[in-house]
N, C-alpha and C. Protein backbone atom coordinates (compact mmCIF):
# COMPACT_ATOMS: atom_id res chain seq x y z
N LEU A 1 279.57 159.42 56.04
CA LEU A 1 280.76 160.24 55.94
C LEU A 1 281.92 159.65 56.73
N PHE A 2 281.61 158.95 57.83
CA PHE A 2 282.68 158.24 58.53
C PHE A 2 283.28 157.18 57.62
N THR A 3 282.42 156.46 56.90
CA THR A 3 282.90 155.42 55.99
C THR A 3 283.79 156.01 54.91
N ALA A 4 283.42 157.19 54.40
CA ALA A 4 284.24 157.85 53.39
C ALA A 4 285.59 158.27 53.96
N ALA A 5 285.58 158.76 55.20
CA ALA A 5 286.83 159.15 55.85
C ALA A 5 287.72 157.93 56.10
N LEU A 6 287.10 156.85 56.51
CA LEU A 6 287.86 155.63 56.78
C LEU A 6 288.53 155.11 55.51
N ALA A 7 287.83 155.25 54.39
CA ALA A 7 288.39 154.80 53.11
C ALA A 7 289.65 155.58 52.75
N GLU A 8 289.76 156.81 53.21
CA GLU A 8 290.94 157.64 52.92
C GLU A 8 292.04 157.48 53.96
N PHE A 9 291.70 156.92 55.11
CA PHE A 9 292.66 156.81 56.21
C PHE A 9 293.72 155.76 55.86
N PRO A 10 294.99 156.13 55.89
CA PRO A 10 296.04 155.20 55.45
C PRO A 10 296.19 153.96 56.33
N HIS A 11 295.67 154.00 57.55
CA HIS A 11 295.79 152.85 58.46
C HIS A 11 294.43 152.16 58.66
N ALA A 12 293.56 152.25 57.65
CA ALA A 12 292.20 151.72 57.78
C ALA A 12 292.19 150.25 58.14
N GLY A 13 293.17 149.51 57.68
CA GLY A 13 293.22 148.08 57.97
C GLY A 13 293.44 147.76 59.43
N SER A 14 293.88 148.75 60.20
CA SER A 14 294.12 148.54 61.63
C SER A 14 292.96 149.05 62.49
N VAL A 15 291.94 149.57 61.86
CA VAL A 15 290.81 150.13 62.59
C VAL A 15 289.77 149.04 62.86
N GLN A 16 289.37 148.92 64.10
CA GLN A 16 288.31 147.99 64.49
C GLN A 16 287.09 148.80 64.90
N ILE A 17 285.94 148.48 64.32
CA ILE A 17 284.71 149.22 64.60
C ILE A 17 283.84 148.40 65.54
N ARG A 18 283.45 149.01 66.65
CA ARG A 18 282.55 148.38 67.61
C ARG A 18 281.25 149.16 67.62
N GLN A 19 280.16 148.49 67.30
CA GLN A 19 278.85 149.15 67.22
C GLN A 19 278.17 149.11 68.59
N HIS A 20 278.01 150.27 69.21
CA HIS A 20 277.31 150.36 70.50
C HIS A 20 275.85 150.73 70.28
N SER A 21 275.05 150.50 71.30
CA SER A 21 273.62 150.82 71.23
C SER A 21 273.30 152.02 72.10
N PHE A 22 272.48 152.93 71.57
CA PHE A 22 272.00 154.07 72.34
C PHE A 22 270.61 154.42 71.84
N GLU A 23 269.61 154.22 72.69
CA GLU A 23 268.23 154.52 72.33
C GLU A 23 267.90 155.95 72.75
N LEU A 24 267.54 156.78 71.79
CA LEU A 24 267.19 158.15 72.10
C LEU A 24 265.94 158.22 72.98
N GLN A 25 264.98 157.35 72.71
CA GLN A 25 263.74 157.33 73.48
C GLN A 25 263.43 155.89 73.90
N PRO A 26 264.09 155.40 74.96
CA PRO A 26 263.92 154.00 75.36
C PRO A 26 262.53 153.68 75.90
N ASP A 27 261.74 154.71 76.22
CA ASP A 27 260.42 154.46 76.80
C ASP A 27 259.31 154.32 75.76
N LEU A 28 259.64 154.50 74.48
CA LEU A 28 258.61 154.34 73.45
C LEU A 28 258.14 152.88 73.42
N VAL A 29 256.86 152.71 73.17
CA VAL A 29 256.27 151.36 73.16
C VAL A 29 256.63 150.65 71.86
N PRO A 30 257.24 149.47 71.96
CA PRO A 30 257.61 148.73 70.74
C PRO A 30 256.38 148.45 69.87
N GLY A 31 256.54 148.63 68.57
CA GLY A 31 255.48 148.32 67.64
C GLY A 31 254.49 149.45 67.41
N VAL A 32 254.58 150.53 68.19
CA VAL A 32 253.67 151.67 68.04
C VAL A 32 254.37 152.77 67.26
N ILE A 33 253.76 153.21 66.16
CA ILE A 33 254.32 154.28 65.34
C ILE A 33 253.65 155.59 65.72
N LEU A 34 254.44 156.58 66.08
CA LEU A 34 253.92 157.85 66.54
C LEU A 34 253.87 158.89 65.43
N GLY A 35 252.88 159.76 65.50
CA GLY A 35 252.85 160.93 64.64
C GLY A 35 253.68 162.03 65.28
N ALA A 36 253.79 163.16 64.59
CA ALA A 36 254.63 164.26 65.09
C ALA A 36 254.15 164.76 66.45
N ASP A 37 252.84 164.92 66.63
CA ASP A 37 252.31 165.43 67.89
C ASP A 37 252.58 164.45 69.04
N GLU A 38 252.36 163.16 68.77
CA GLU A 38 252.59 162.15 69.81
C GLU A 38 254.06 162.05 70.15
N ALA A 39 254.92 162.11 69.13
CA ALA A 39 256.37 162.03 69.36
C ALA A 39 256.84 163.24 70.16
N ALA A 40 256.31 164.41 69.85
CA ALA A 40 256.70 165.63 70.57
C ALA A 40 256.36 165.50 72.05
N LYS A 41 255.18 164.97 72.33
CA LYS A 41 254.77 164.79 73.72
C LYS A 41 255.68 163.80 74.44
N ALA A 42 256.05 162.72 73.75
CA ALA A 42 256.91 161.70 74.35
C ALA A 42 258.30 162.25 74.63
N ILE A 43 258.79 163.10 73.73
CA ILE A 43 260.14 163.63 73.86
C ILE A 43 260.18 164.85 74.78
N GLY A 44 259.04 165.56 74.86
CA GLY A 44 259.00 166.73 75.71
C GLY A 44 259.27 168.03 74.99
N ILE A 45 259.01 168.07 73.67
CA ILE A 45 259.17 169.29 72.89
C ILE A 45 257.89 169.50 72.07
N SER A 46 257.82 170.61 71.35
CA SER A 46 256.62 170.87 70.56
C SER A 46 256.68 170.15 69.21
N ALA A 47 255.49 169.92 68.63
CA ALA A 47 255.44 169.29 67.31
C ALA A 47 256.13 170.17 66.28
N GLY A 48 256.03 171.49 66.46
CA GLY A 48 256.70 172.41 65.55
C GLY A 48 258.21 172.25 65.59
N GLN A 49 258.76 172.02 66.78
CA GLN A 49 260.20 171.81 66.91
C GLN A 49 260.63 170.53 66.20
N ILE A 50 259.80 169.50 66.29
CA ILE A 50 260.11 168.24 65.59
C ILE A 50 260.12 168.48 64.09
N ARG A 51 259.13 169.21 63.58
CA ARG A 51 259.06 169.45 62.14
C ARG A 51 260.24 170.29 61.65
N VAL A 52 260.63 171.28 62.44
CA VAL A 52 261.78 172.10 62.08
C VAL A 52 263.05 171.26 62.08
N GLY A 53 263.20 170.44 63.11
CA GLY A 53 264.39 169.58 63.20
C GLY A 53 264.47 168.60 62.05
N ARG A 54 263.33 168.03 61.68
CA ARG A 54 263.30 167.10 60.55
C ARG A 54 263.69 167.80 59.25
N ALA A 55 263.13 169.00 59.05
CA ALA A 55 263.42 169.74 57.82
C ALA A 55 264.89 170.10 57.73
N GLN A 56 265.49 170.49 58.86
CA GLN A 56 266.91 170.84 58.88
C GLN A 56 267.77 169.61 58.57
N LEU A 57 267.39 168.48 59.17
CA LEU A 57 268.15 167.25 58.93
C LEU A 57 268.01 166.81 57.48
N ALA A 58 266.81 166.94 56.93
CA ALA A 58 266.59 166.55 55.53
C ALA A 58 267.43 167.41 54.60
N ALA A 59 267.49 168.71 54.89
CA ALA A 59 268.28 169.62 54.05
C ALA A 59 269.76 169.29 54.14
N TYR A 60 270.22 168.99 55.35
CA TYR A 60 271.63 168.67 55.54
C TYR A 60 271.98 167.36 54.83
N CYS A 61 271.11 166.36 54.96
CA CYS A 61 271.36 165.07 54.31
C CYS A 61 271.35 165.22 52.79
N ALA A 62 270.43 166.04 52.28
CA ALA A 62 270.38 166.26 50.83
C ALA A 62 271.66 166.91 50.33
N GLU A 63 272.20 167.83 51.11
CA GLU A 63 273.44 168.51 50.73
C GLU A 63 274.61 167.53 50.66
N LEU A 64 274.56 166.53 51.54
CA LEU A 64 275.64 165.54 51.60
C LEU A 64 275.38 164.33 50.72
N GLY A 65 274.20 164.28 50.09
CA GLY A 65 273.87 163.14 49.26
C GLY A 65 273.45 161.92 50.05
N LEU A 66 272.97 162.14 51.28
CA LEU A 66 272.54 161.04 52.14
C LEU A 66 271.02 160.93 52.11
N PRO A 67 270.48 159.71 52.27
CA PRO A 67 269.03 159.56 52.21
C PRO A 67 268.34 160.04 53.48
N PHE A 68 267.26 160.77 53.34
CA PHE A 68 266.39 161.10 54.47
C PHE A 68 265.04 161.49 53.91
N ASP A 69 264.06 160.63 54.07
CA ASP A 69 262.72 160.87 53.55
C ASP A 69 261.86 161.44 54.67
N VAL A 70 261.82 162.77 54.77
CA VAL A 70 261.14 163.42 55.89
C VAL A 70 259.65 163.13 55.89
N ASP A 71 259.05 162.90 54.73
CA ASP A 71 257.60 162.69 54.65
C ASP A 71 257.19 161.29 55.09
N ASN A 72 258.12 160.33 55.02
CA ASN A 72 257.78 158.95 55.36
C ASN A 72 258.50 158.43 56.59
N GLU A 73 259.14 159.32 57.33
CA GLU A 73 259.86 158.88 58.53
C GLU A 73 258.88 158.28 59.54
N THR A 74 259.26 157.16 60.14
CA THR A 74 258.46 156.55 61.18
C THR A 74 259.13 156.80 62.52
N ILE A 75 258.34 157.15 63.51
CA ILE A 75 258.87 157.38 64.86
C ILE A 75 258.36 156.26 65.74
N THR A 76 259.26 155.41 66.15
CA THR A 76 258.85 154.23 66.91
C THR A 76 260.02 153.76 67.76
N SER A 77 259.79 152.77 68.58
CA SER A 77 260.86 152.21 69.41
C SER A 77 261.95 151.59 68.54
N THR A 78 263.20 151.82 68.92
CA THR A 78 264.33 151.23 68.18
C THR A 78 264.93 150.04 68.92
N HIS A 79 264.26 149.58 69.96
CA HIS A 79 264.86 148.53 70.79
C HIS A 79 265.10 147.25 70.00
N ALA A 80 264.13 146.84 69.21
CA ALA A 80 264.30 145.62 68.40
C ALA A 80 265.45 145.78 67.42
N ALA A 81 265.59 146.99 66.86
CA ALA A 81 266.69 147.24 65.93
C ALA A 81 268.03 147.10 66.63
N HIS A 82 268.12 147.59 67.85
CA HIS A 82 269.38 147.45 68.59
C HIS A 82 269.67 145.99 68.94
N ARG A 83 268.62 145.23 69.18
CA ARG A 83 268.82 143.80 69.42
C ARG A 83 269.44 143.13 68.19
N VAL A 84 268.92 143.47 67.02
CA VAL A 84 269.45 142.87 65.79
C VAL A 84 270.86 143.38 65.49
N ILE A 85 271.11 144.65 65.78
CA ILE A 85 272.47 145.18 65.57
C ILE A 85 273.46 144.47 66.48
N GLN A 86 273.09 144.20 67.72
CA GLN A 86 274.00 143.50 68.62
C GLN A 86 274.15 142.03 68.23
N PHE A 87 273.08 141.45 67.71
CA PHE A 87 273.15 140.10 67.15
C PHE A 87 274.17 140.09 66.01
N ALA A 88 274.10 141.11 65.15
CA ALA A 88 275.04 141.21 64.03
C ALA A 88 276.44 141.50 64.51
N GLU A 89 276.56 142.35 65.53
CA GLU A 89 277.89 142.69 66.07
C GLU A 89 278.61 141.44 66.57
N ALA A 90 277.86 140.55 67.19
CA ALA A 90 278.45 139.30 67.71
C ALA A 90 278.95 138.40 66.59
N ARG A 91 278.53 138.69 65.38
CA ARG A 91 278.92 137.90 64.21
C ARG A 91 279.79 138.69 63.23
N GLY A 92 280.33 139.81 63.73
CA GLY A 92 281.23 140.61 62.91
C GLY A 92 280.56 141.46 61.84
N LYS A 93 279.24 141.65 61.98
CA LYS A 93 278.50 142.40 60.95
C LYS A 93 277.74 143.58 61.55
N GLY A 94 278.15 144.03 62.73
CA GLY A 94 277.41 145.08 63.42
C GLY A 94 277.34 146.39 62.67
N HIS A 95 278.49 146.89 62.23
CA HIS A 95 278.52 148.19 61.56
C HIS A 95 277.76 148.13 60.24
N GLU A 96 277.99 147.10 59.47
CA GLU A 96 277.32 146.97 58.17
C GLU A 96 275.81 146.90 58.35
N THR A 97 275.36 146.12 59.32
CA THR A 97 273.92 145.96 59.54
C THR A 97 273.30 147.26 60.06
N ALA A 98 274.01 147.94 60.95
CA ALA A 98 273.51 149.21 61.46
C ALA A 98 273.35 150.23 60.35
N GLN A 99 274.29 150.23 59.40
CA GLN A 99 274.21 151.15 58.27
C GLN A 99 273.00 150.84 57.40
N ARG A 100 272.75 149.56 57.18
CA ARG A 100 271.59 149.17 56.37
C ARG A 100 270.28 149.59 57.05
N ILE A 101 270.21 149.38 58.36
CA ILE A 101 269.01 149.74 59.10
C ILE A 101 268.80 151.25 59.06
N ALA A 102 269.87 152.00 59.26
CA ALA A 102 269.77 153.46 59.26
C ALA A 102 269.31 153.99 57.91
N ARG A 103 269.86 153.43 56.84
CA ARG A 103 269.48 153.89 55.51
C ARG A 103 268.02 153.53 55.19
N ALA A 104 267.60 152.35 55.61
CA ALA A 104 266.21 151.95 55.36
C ALA A 104 265.25 152.82 56.15
N TYR A 105 265.66 153.21 57.34
CA TYR A 105 264.82 154.03 58.21
C TYR A 105 264.77 155.48 57.72
N LEU A 106 265.95 156.07 57.50
CA LEU A 106 266.01 157.47 57.11
C LEU A 106 265.60 157.70 55.66
N GLY A 107 265.99 156.78 54.80
CA GLY A 107 265.74 156.99 53.37
C GLY A 107 264.48 156.35 52.85
N GLY A 108 263.94 155.38 53.59
CA GLY A 108 262.78 154.68 53.07
C GLY A 108 261.60 154.59 54.01
N GLY A 109 261.73 155.18 55.21
CA GLY A 109 260.63 155.14 56.15
C GLY A 109 260.31 153.76 56.67
N ALA A 110 261.31 152.86 56.68
CA ALA A 110 261.08 151.49 57.13
C ALA A 110 260.68 151.47 58.60
N ASN A 111 259.77 150.57 58.94
CA ASN A 111 259.37 150.38 60.34
C ASN A 111 260.39 149.47 61.01
N ILE A 112 261.36 150.09 61.68
CA ILE A 112 262.45 149.30 62.27
C ILE A 112 262.10 148.71 63.63
N ALA A 113 260.81 148.72 63.95
CA ALA A 113 260.35 147.97 65.11
C ALA A 113 259.78 146.62 64.69
N ASP A 114 259.68 146.42 63.38
CA ASP A 114 259.11 145.19 62.82
C ASP A 114 260.20 144.13 62.67
N PRO A 115 260.13 143.02 63.40
CA PRO A 115 261.16 141.98 63.31
C PRO A 115 261.38 141.47 61.89
N ALA A 116 260.32 141.39 61.09
CA ALA A 116 260.46 140.89 59.72
C ALA A 116 261.27 141.86 58.87
N VAL A 117 261.05 143.15 59.06
CA VAL A 117 261.81 144.17 58.33
C VAL A 117 263.28 144.09 58.72
N LEU A 118 263.53 143.98 60.01
CA LEU A 118 264.91 143.90 60.51
C LEU A 118 265.60 142.64 60.01
N ALA A 119 264.87 141.54 59.97
CA ALA A 119 265.45 140.28 59.51
C ALA A 119 265.86 140.37 58.05
N THR A 120 265.04 141.03 57.24
CA THR A 120 265.37 141.20 55.83
C THR A 120 266.64 142.02 55.67
N LEU A 121 266.77 143.10 56.44
CA LEU A 121 267.96 143.94 56.37
C LEU A 121 269.19 143.19 56.85
N ALA A 122 269.04 142.39 57.90
CA ALA A 122 270.16 141.61 58.41
C ALA A 122 270.60 140.57 57.38
N ALA A 123 269.64 139.98 56.69
CA ALA A 123 269.96 138.99 55.67
C ALA A 123 270.76 139.61 54.53
N GLN A 124 270.50 140.89 54.25
CA GLN A 124 271.25 141.58 53.21
C GLN A 124 272.72 141.77 53.61
N SER A 125 273.00 141.65 54.90
CA SER A 125 274.38 141.70 55.38
C SER A 125 275.00 140.31 55.46
N GLY A 126 274.26 139.32 55.00
CA GLY A 126 274.80 137.96 54.99
C GLY A 126 274.49 137.16 56.24
N LEU A 127 273.57 137.65 57.07
CA LEU A 127 273.22 136.95 58.30
C LEU A 127 272.00 136.06 58.08
N ASP A 128 271.83 135.08 58.95
CA ASP A 128 270.70 134.17 58.85
C ASP A 128 269.42 134.92 59.17
N ARG A 129 268.48 134.90 58.24
CA ARG A 129 267.27 135.70 58.39
C ARG A 129 266.43 135.26 59.58
N ASP A 130 266.23 133.96 59.73
CA ASP A 130 265.39 133.46 60.82
C ASP A 130 266.01 133.76 62.18
N ALA A 131 267.33 133.61 62.26
CA ALA A 131 268.02 133.88 63.52
C ALA A 131 267.94 135.36 63.87
N ALA A 132 268.04 136.22 62.85
CA ALA A 132 267.95 137.66 63.08
C ALA A 132 266.55 138.05 63.55
N GLU A 133 265.54 137.44 62.93
CA GLU A 133 264.16 137.75 63.33
C GLU A 133 263.91 137.30 64.77
N ALA A 134 264.47 136.15 65.12
CA ALA A 134 264.33 135.68 66.50
C ALA A 134 265.04 136.61 67.48
N ALA A 135 266.19 137.13 67.08
CA ALA A 135 266.95 138.03 67.93
C ALA A 135 266.18 139.31 68.22
N ALA A 136 265.38 139.75 67.24
CA ALA A 136 264.62 140.99 67.39
C ALA A 136 263.59 140.91 68.52
N THR A 137 263.14 139.73 68.84
CA THR A 137 262.13 139.56 69.89
C THR A 137 262.68 138.86 71.12
N SER A 138 263.98 138.59 71.12
CA SER A 138 264.62 137.90 72.24
C SER A 138 265.27 138.90 73.20
N GLU A 139 265.39 138.53 74.45
CA GLU A 139 266.06 139.37 75.44
C GLU A 139 267.55 139.04 75.53
N ALA A 140 268.05 138.21 74.62
CA ALA A 140 269.42 137.73 74.70
C ALA A 140 270.46 138.85 74.71
N PHE A 141 270.17 139.96 74.02
CA PHE A 141 271.14 141.04 73.92
C PHE A 141 270.76 142.27 74.74
N ASP A 142 269.72 142.14 75.56
CA ASP A 142 269.26 143.30 76.34
C ASP A 142 270.28 143.76 77.37
N ALA A 143 271.02 142.83 77.95
CA ALA A 143 272.04 143.21 78.94
C ALA A 143 273.14 144.02 78.28
N ARG A 144 273.50 143.66 77.07
CA ARG A 144 274.54 144.40 76.35
C ARG A 144 274.03 145.80 75.99
N ILE A 145 272.77 145.90 75.59
CA ILE A 145 272.18 147.19 75.26
C ILE A 145 272.14 148.09 76.50
N GLU A 146 271.79 147.51 77.64
CA GLU A 146 271.75 148.27 78.88
C GLU A 146 273.16 148.71 79.30
N ALA A 147 274.14 147.84 79.12
CA ALA A 147 275.52 148.22 79.44
C ALA A 147 275.98 149.38 78.56
N ASP A 148 275.59 149.37 77.29
CA ASP A 148 275.93 150.47 76.40
C ASP A 148 275.23 151.76 76.82
N ARG A 149 274.00 151.64 77.31
CA ARG A 149 273.27 152.82 77.78
C ARG A 149 273.98 153.46 78.96
N GLN A 150 274.44 152.63 79.88
CA GLN A 150 275.14 153.15 81.04
C GLN A 150 276.47 153.78 80.64
N LEU A 151 277.17 153.14 79.70
CA LEU A 151 278.44 153.70 79.21
C LEU A 151 278.20 155.05 78.55
N ALA A 152 277.11 155.16 77.77
CA ALA A 152 276.79 156.42 77.11
C ALA A 152 276.57 157.53 78.13
N GLY A 153 275.92 157.19 79.23
CA GLY A 153 275.69 158.18 80.28
C GLY A 153 276.99 158.63 80.92
N GLN A 154 277.93 157.70 81.06
CA GLN A 154 279.21 158.02 81.68
C GLN A 154 280.05 158.95 80.82
N VAL A 155 279.97 158.79 79.51
CA VAL A 155 280.81 159.61 78.61
C VAL A 155 280.06 160.81 78.05
N GLY A 156 278.79 160.98 78.47
CA GLY A 156 278.06 162.17 78.10
C GLY A 156 277.38 162.15 76.75
N VAL A 157 277.05 160.98 76.23
CA VAL A 157 276.36 160.90 74.94
C VAL A 157 274.92 161.40 75.12
N ARG A 158 274.51 162.31 74.24
CA ARG A 158 273.15 162.86 74.30
C ARG A 158 272.38 162.65 73.01
N GLY A 159 273.07 162.25 71.95
CA GLY A 159 272.39 162.07 70.68
C GLY A 159 273.17 161.11 69.79
N VAL A 160 272.61 160.82 68.65
CA VAL A 160 273.26 159.92 67.69
C VAL A 160 273.29 160.60 66.33
N PRO A 161 274.28 160.26 65.50
CA PRO A 161 275.38 159.34 65.79
C PRO A 161 276.43 159.98 66.70
N HIS A 162 277.14 159.14 67.41
CA HIS A 162 278.22 159.59 68.30
C HIS A 162 279.37 158.61 68.15
N PHE A 163 280.54 159.12 67.80
CA PHE A 163 281.70 158.27 67.54
C PHE A 163 282.77 158.54 68.59
N VAL A 164 283.34 157.47 69.12
CA VAL A 164 284.46 157.60 70.05
C VAL A 164 285.64 156.83 69.48
N PHE A 165 286.78 157.50 69.38
CA PHE A 165 287.98 156.91 68.79
C PHE A 165 289.01 156.63 69.89
N SER A 166 289.27 155.35 70.11
CA SER A 166 290.25 154.90 71.09
C SER A 166 289.97 155.42 72.49
N GLY A 167 288.72 155.79 72.75
CA GLY A 167 288.36 156.26 74.08
C GLY A 167 288.86 157.65 74.39
N THR A 168 289.46 158.33 73.41
CA THR A 168 290.07 159.63 73.70
C THR A 168 289.55 160.76 72.82
N HIS A 169 289.03 160.45 71.64
CA HIS A 169 288.56 161.48 70.72
C HIS A 169 287.12 161.16 70.32
N ALA A 170 286.26 162.17 70.38
CA ALA A 170 284.85 161.96 70.09
C ALA A 170 284.36 162.90 69.01
N VAL A 171 283.44 162.40 68.20
CA VAL A 171 282.77 163.21 67.18
C VAL A 171 281.28 162.95 67.33
N SER A 172 280.50 164.01 67.48
CA SER A 172 279.05 163.87 67.68
C SER A 172 278.30 164.49 66.52
N GLY A 173 277.29 163.77 66.04
CA GLY A 173 276.45 164.29 64.98
C GLY A 173 276.98 163.97 63.59
N ALA A 174 276.21 164.41 62.59
CA ALA A 174 276.60 164.19 61.19
C ALA A 174 277.60 165.27 60.80
N GLN A 175 278.87 164.94 60.88
CA GLN A 175 279.94 165.89 60.64
C GLN A 175 280.57 165.67 59.26
N PRO A 176 281.28 166.66 58.74
CA PRO A 176 281.96 166.51 57.45
C PRO A 176 283.01 165.41 57.48
N ARG A 177 283.31 164.88 56.32
CA ARG A 177 284.30 163.81 56.20
C ARG A 177 285.64 164.20 56.82
N ASP A 178 286.07 165.44 56.62
CA ASP A 178 287.36 165.87 57.14
C ASP A 178 287.42 165.83 58.66
N THR A 179 286.28 166.04 59.31
CA THR A 179 286.24 165.98 60.78
C THR A 179 286.53 164.57 61.25
N PHE A 180 285.93 163.59 60.58
CA PHE A 180 286.17 162.20 60.94
C PHE A 180 287.62 161.80 60.64
N LEU A 181 288.12 162.25 59.52
CA LEU A 181 289.49 161.92 59.15
C LEU A 181 290.46 162.50 60.17
N ALA A 182 290.21 163.72 60.62
CA ALA A 182 291.07 164.35 61.62
C ALA A 182 291.03 163.57 62.94
N ALA A 183 289.84 163.08 63.31
CA ALA A 183 289.71 162.30 64.55
C ALA A 183 290.46 160.97 64.44
N LEU A 184 290.36 160.33 63.29
CA LEU A 184 291.10 159.09 63.07
C LEU A 184 292.60 159.32 63.18
N GLU A 185 293.07 160.38 62.57
CA GLU A 185 294.51 160.69 62.58
C GLU A 185 294.98 161.04 63.99
N ALA A 186 294.15 161.81 64.73
CA ALA A 186 294.52 162.19 66.09
C ALA A 186 294.58 160.97 67.00
N ALA A 187 293.60 160.07 66.86
CA ALA A 187 293.59 158.87 67.68
C ALA A 187 294.78 157.97 67.35
N TRP A 188 295.12 157.90 66.07
CA TRP A 188 296.28 157.10 65.66
C TRP A 188 297.57 157.67 66.24
N ASP A 189 297.71 158.97 66.16
CA ASP A 189 298.93 159.62 66.66
C ASP A 189 299.05 159.54 68.17
N ALA A 190 297.90 159.41 68.86
CA ALA A 190 297.90 159.38 70.32
C ALA A 190 298.10 157.99 70.91
N ARG A 191 298.28 156.99 70.03
CA ARG A 191 298.46 155.63 70.55
C ARG A 191 299.72 155.55 71.41
N PRO A 192 299.65 154.83 72.53
CA PRO A 192 300.88 154.63 73.33
C PRO A 192 301.93 153.91 72.50
N ALA A 193 303.18 154.26 72.69
CA ALA A 193 304.27 153.69 71.89
C ALA A 193 304.34 152.19 72.03
N ALA A 194 303.99 151.68 73.21
CA ALA A 194 304.10 150.23 73.46
C ALA A 194 302.84 149.47 73.08
N ALA A 195 301.81 150.21 72.65
CA ALA A 195 300.55 149.55 72.34
C ALA A 195 300.64 148.80 71.02
N ALA A 196 299.79 147.80 70.89
CA ALA A 196 299.72 147.06 69.64
C ALA A 196 299.10 147.96 68.58
N PRO A 197 299.45 147.74 67.31
CA PRO A 197 298.88 148.57 66.24
C PRO A 197 297.36 148.51 66.25
N GLY A 198 296.75 149.62 65.92
CA GLY A 198 295.28 149.65 65.83
C GLY A 198 294.70 150.73 66.69
N ILE A 199 293.48 151.13 66.37
CA ILE A 199 292.75 152.11 67.18
C ILE A 199 291.32 151.65 67.35
């Protein structure tokens, strides 16, 4: 829906997108896929709450025409995925790659802790497959991921997706297109007069 709002924004050409990393559960063991009961224990809520939350999200996504396969969702560490997203971000493909990973995860139950799966998705964004797979298991981008985690704590991020516009306007969660468009317009209008074009 952000992408749809951006397409309608008259100053879209001046918008720069920076993909940050935020792991909801950074303590999950990479490569281990959890069931509902195990995930509930790791997160600190009941399995019933997880099932209700999934069902609500699935219904909301269906209403918006977004993919979410509640029956095949995998719950696992996203650290490798963030490594590949930051690898892509460094090459100008962060947002596109993050979108591909999210759709594969939510709509297809992809195991986004698997370097080979991530490499395939990165390649679909035009990135080198072997380099992306190597990035998934490398610590090269861990410092950037940690810096993003600390920044998220400073600005009060508690969930994803979370959008910040020009450091002044924030939108949290899956919101309607008009909400994103309003945030874009507000951030544009709030630019300092002497600032260079862009938000």
